[in-house]
Amino acid sequence: MNLPRKKTSQINNLMYNPGDKVTFFRNQRQFTGIVINVRDKSVLVEVTPADAEFLQLKNYYTIVNHKKYEVI
């Protein structure tokens, strides 16, 4: 019986999963968020309402390239 697997991405032999806490830089400022979705070259990250307002986002989500964040 095949059970559904949790979606992960392996980049540079590291595994990234939804729910991981990440940190990234935008506009010379550091932000922290939670990975919501993993894609081939990027992740969808949920940020705080205050960070979303600062980044002028219409919602609380932003896309971050795998090369531009660190899992904490």
N, C-alpha and C. Protein backbone atom coordinates (compact mmCIF):
# COMPACT_ATOMS: atom_id res chain seq x y z
N MET A 1 0.85 -1.18 0.00
CA MET A 1 0.00 0.00 0.00
C MET A 1 0.89 1.24 0.00
N ASN A 2 0.65 2.16 -0.91
CA ASN A 2 1.42 3.39 -0.99
C ASN A 2 0.74 4.49 -0.19
N LEU A 3 1.44 5.04 0.77
CA LEU A 3 0.91 6.15 1.56
C LEU A 3 1.41 7.45 0.97
N PRO A 4 0.60 8.52 1.02
CA PRO A 4 1.07 9.80 0.50
C PRO A 4 2.26 10.32 1.30
N ARG A 5 3.24 10.85 0.61
CA ARG A 5 4.42 11.39 1.26
C ARG A 5 4.29 12.88 1.45
N LYS A 6 4.95 13.37 2.49
CA LYS A 6 5.01 14.81 2.71
C LYS A 6 5.92 15.41 1.65
N LYS A 7 5.48 16.48 0.99
CA LYS A 7 6.25 17.08 -0.09
C LYS A 7 7.51 17.74 0.47
N THR A 8 8.65 17.36 -0.07
CA THR A 8 9.92 17.93 0.34
C THR A 8 10.71 18.29 -0.90
N SER A 9 11.76 19.05 -0.72
CA SER A 9 12.66 19.39 -1.81
C SER A 9 14.08 19.19 -1.34
N GLN A 10 14.90 18.61 -2.19
CA GLN A 10 16.29 18.38 -1.81
C GLN A 10 17.18 19.26 -2.69
N ILE A 11 17.81 20.25 -2.06
CA ILE A 11 18.73 21.15 -2.73
C ILE A 11 20.05 21.08 -1.98
N ASN A 12 21.13 20.82 -2.71
CA ASN A 12 22.46 20.72 -2.08
C ASN A 12 22.45 19.72 -0.92
N ASN A 13 21.74 18.59 -1.11
CA ASN A 13 21.65 17.52 -0.11
C ASN A 13 20.98 17.94 1.19
N LEU A 14 20.24 19.04 1.20
CA LEU A 14 19.49 19.47 2.37
C LEU A 14 18.01 19.31 2.06
N MET A 15 17.22 18.92 3.05
CA MET A 15 15.79 18.73 2.86
C MET A 15 15.03 19.92 3.43
N TYR A 16 14.12 20.45 2.65
CA TYR A 16 13.27 21.55 3.08
C TYR A 16 11.83 21.06 3.09
N ASN A 17 11.11 21.34 4.15
CA ASN A 17 9.76 20.85 4.32
C ASN A 17 8.79 21.99 4.66
N PRO A 18 7.54 21.85 4.28
CA PRO A 18 6.53 22.78 4.77
C PRO A 18 6.55 22.77 6.30
N GLY A 19 6.46 23.95 6.89
CA GLY A 19 6.52 24.08 8.34
C GLY A 19 7.87 24.51 8.85
N ASP A 20 8.92 24.42 8.01
CA ASP A 20 10.24 24.88 8.42
C ASP A 20 10.25 26.39 8.61
N LYS A 21 10.97 26.85 9.60
CA LYS A 21 11.13 28.28 9.83
C LYS A 21 12.37 28.74 9.07
N VAL A 22 12.23 29.82 8.29
CA VAL A 22 13.34 30.31 7.47
C VAL A 22 13.56 31.80 7.72
N THR A 23 14.76 32.23 7.38
CA THR A 23 15.09 33.65 7.45
C THR A 23 15.63 34.06 6.08
N PHE A 24 15.28 35.28 5.65
CA PHE A 24 15.71 35.78 4.35
C PHE A 24 15.80 37.30 4.41
N PHE A 25 16.47 37.89 3.43
CA PHE A 25 16.65 39.34 3.37
C PHE A 25 15.88 39.92 2.20
N ARG A 26 15.24 41.07 2.43
CA ARG A 26 14.61 41.87 1.39
C ARG A 26 14.80 43.33 1.78
N ASN A 27 15.09 44.17 0.82
CA ASN A 27 15.25 45.60 1.09
C ASN A 27 16.22 45.87 2.24
N GLN A 28 17.30 45.11 2.27
CA GLN A 28 18.35 45.26 3.29
C GLN A 28 17.83 45.05 4.71
N ARG A 29 16.79 44.23 4.85
CA ARG A 29 16.21 43.93 6.15
C ARG A 29 15.96 42.43 6.24
N GLN A 30 16.17 41.87 7.41
CA GLN A 30 15.98 40.43 7.61
C GLN A 30 14.55 40.13 8.02
N PHE A 31 13.99 39.06 7.43
CA PHE A 31 12.63 38.62 7.74
C PHE A 31 12.65 37.14 8.11
N THR A 32 11.66 36.73 8.87
CA THR A 32 11.51 35.34 9.26
C THR A 32 10.10 34.91 8.90
N GLY A 33 9.97 33.66 8.44
CA GLY A 33 8.66 33.16 8.09
C GLY A 33 8.63 31.64 8.12
N ILE A 34 7.47 31.09 7.80
CA ILE A 34 7.24 29.65 7.81
C ILE A 34 7.01 29.19 6.37
N VAL A 35 7.71 28.11 5.98
CA VAL A 35 7.53 27.55 4.65
C VAL A 35 6.15 26.93 4.54
N ILE A 36 5.39 27.33 3.52
CA ILE A 36 4.05 26.82 3.28
C ILE A 36 4.06 25.78 2.16
N ASN A 37 4.84 26.05 1.11
CA ASN A 37 4.89 25.17 -0.05
C ASN A 37 6.31 25.16 -0.60
N VAL A 38 6.76 23.99 -1.01
CA VAL A 38 8.10 23.84 -1.58
C VAL A 38 7.97 23.63 -3.08
N ARG A 39 8.74 24.39 -3.85
CA ARG A 39 8.77 24.26 -5.31
C ARG A 39 10.18 23.88 -5.73
N ASP A 40 10.39 23.68 -7.02
CA ASP A 40 11.70 23.24 -7.51
C ASP A 40 12.81 24.23 -7.18
N LYS A 41 12.58 25.51 -7.37
CA LYS A 41 13.63 26.51 -7.18
C LYS A 41 13.32 27.53 -6.10
N SER A 42 12.18 27.38 -5.42
CA SER A 42 11.78 28.37 -4.43
C SER A 42 10.82 27.78 -3.42
N VAL A 43 10.51 28.57 -2.41
CA VAL A 43 9.51 28.20 -1.41
C VAL A 43 8.51 29.34 -1.24
N LEU A 44 7.29 28.98 -0.90
CA LEU A 44 6.27 29.96 -0.54
C LEU A 44 6.36 30.12 0.97
N VAL A 45 6.57 31.36 1.43
CA VAL A 45 6.79 31.64 2.86
C VAL A 45 5.68 32.55 3.37
N GLU A 46 5.14 32.20 4.53
CA GLU A 46 4.17 33.05 5.22
C GLU A 46 4.93 33.94 6.20
N VAL A 47 4.72 35.25 6.12
CA VAL A 47 5.37 36.20 7.02
C VAL A 47 4.32 36.82 7.94
N THR A 48 4.77 37.56 8.93
CA THR A 48 3.85 38.20 9.87
C THR A 48 3.09 39.34 9.17
N PRO A 49 1.94 39.73 9.71
CA PRO A 49 1.21 40.86 9.12
C PRO A 49 2.05 42.14 9.06
N ALA A 50 2.85 42.40 10.09
CA ALA A 50 3.69 43.61 10.08
C ALA A 50 4.74 43.54 8.97
N ASP A 51 5.34 42.36 8.79
CA ASP A 51 6.33 42.20 7.71
C ASP A 51 5.66 42.30 6.34
N ALA A 52 4.48 41.75 6.21
CA ALA A 52 3.75 41.83 4.94
C ALA A 52 3.44 43.29 4.60
N GLU A 53 3.07 44.06 5.59
CA GLU A 53 2.79 45.48 5.36
C GLU A 53 4.06 46.22 4.95
N PHE A 54 5.18 45.93 5.64
CA PHE A 54 6.44 46.57 5.30
C PHE A 54 6.86 46.23 3.86
N LEU A 55 6.65 44.97 3.47
CA LEU A 55 7.01 44.53 2.12
C LEU A 55 5.96 44.91 1.07
N GLN A 56 4.89 45.54 1.52
CA GLN A 56 3.79 45.96 0.65
C GLN A 56 3.18 44.78 -0.10
N LEU A 57 2.95 43.69 0.64
CA LEU A 57 2.32 42.51 0.07
C LEU A 57 0.81 42.63 0.22
N LYS A 58 0.07 42.05 -0.71
CA LYS A 58 -1.40 42.08 -0.62
C LYS A 58 -1.92 41.01 0.34
N ASN A 59 -1.07 40.04 0.66
CA ASN A 59 -1.42 39.00 1.63
C ASN A 59 -0.17 38.70 2.46
N TYR A 60 -0.16 37.61 3.18
CA TYR A 60 0.96 37.30 4.08
C TYR A 60 1.97 36.34 3.47
N TYR A 61 1.97 36.17 2.14
CA TYR A 61 2.82 35.19 1.49
C TYR A 61 3.78 35.83 0.50
N THR A 62 4.99 35.26 0.42
CA THR A 62 5.97 35.71 -0.55
C THR A 62 6.78 34.51 -1.02
N ILE A 63 7.32 34.59 -2.23
CA ILE A 63 8.15 33.54 -2.81
C ILE A 63 9.61 33.89 -2.55
N VAL A 64 10.39 32.90 -2.10
CA VAL A 64 11.81 33.10 -1.83
C VAL A 64 12.59 32.00 -2.54
N ASN A 65 13.58 32.39 -3.33
CA ASN A 65 14.44 31.45 -4.02
C ASN A 65 15.24 30.63 -3.01
N HIS A 66 15.50 29.35 -3.35
CA HIS A 66 16.27 28.49 -2.44
C HIS A 66 17.63 29.07 -2.08
N LYS A 67 18.22 29.85 -2.97
CA LYS A 67 19.54 30.42 -2.72
C LYS A 67 19.49 31.63 -1.78
N LYS A 68 18.28 32.14 -1.49
CA LYS A 68 18.15 33.41 -0.76
C LYS A 68 17.66 33.26 0.69
N TYR A 69 17.56 32.04 1.22
CA TYR A 69 17.10 31.88 2.59
C TYR A 69 17.90 30.81 3.31
N GLU A 70 17.76 30.79 4.62
CA GLU A 70 18.37 29.77 5.47
C GLU A 70 17.30 29.19 6.40
N VAL A 71 17.33 27.89 6.59
CA VAL A 71 16.43 27.25 7.55
C VAL A 71 17.00 27.47 8.95
N ILE A 72 16.14 27.88 9.86
CA ILE A 72 16.61 28.12 11.24
C ILE A 72 15.93 27.16 12.19
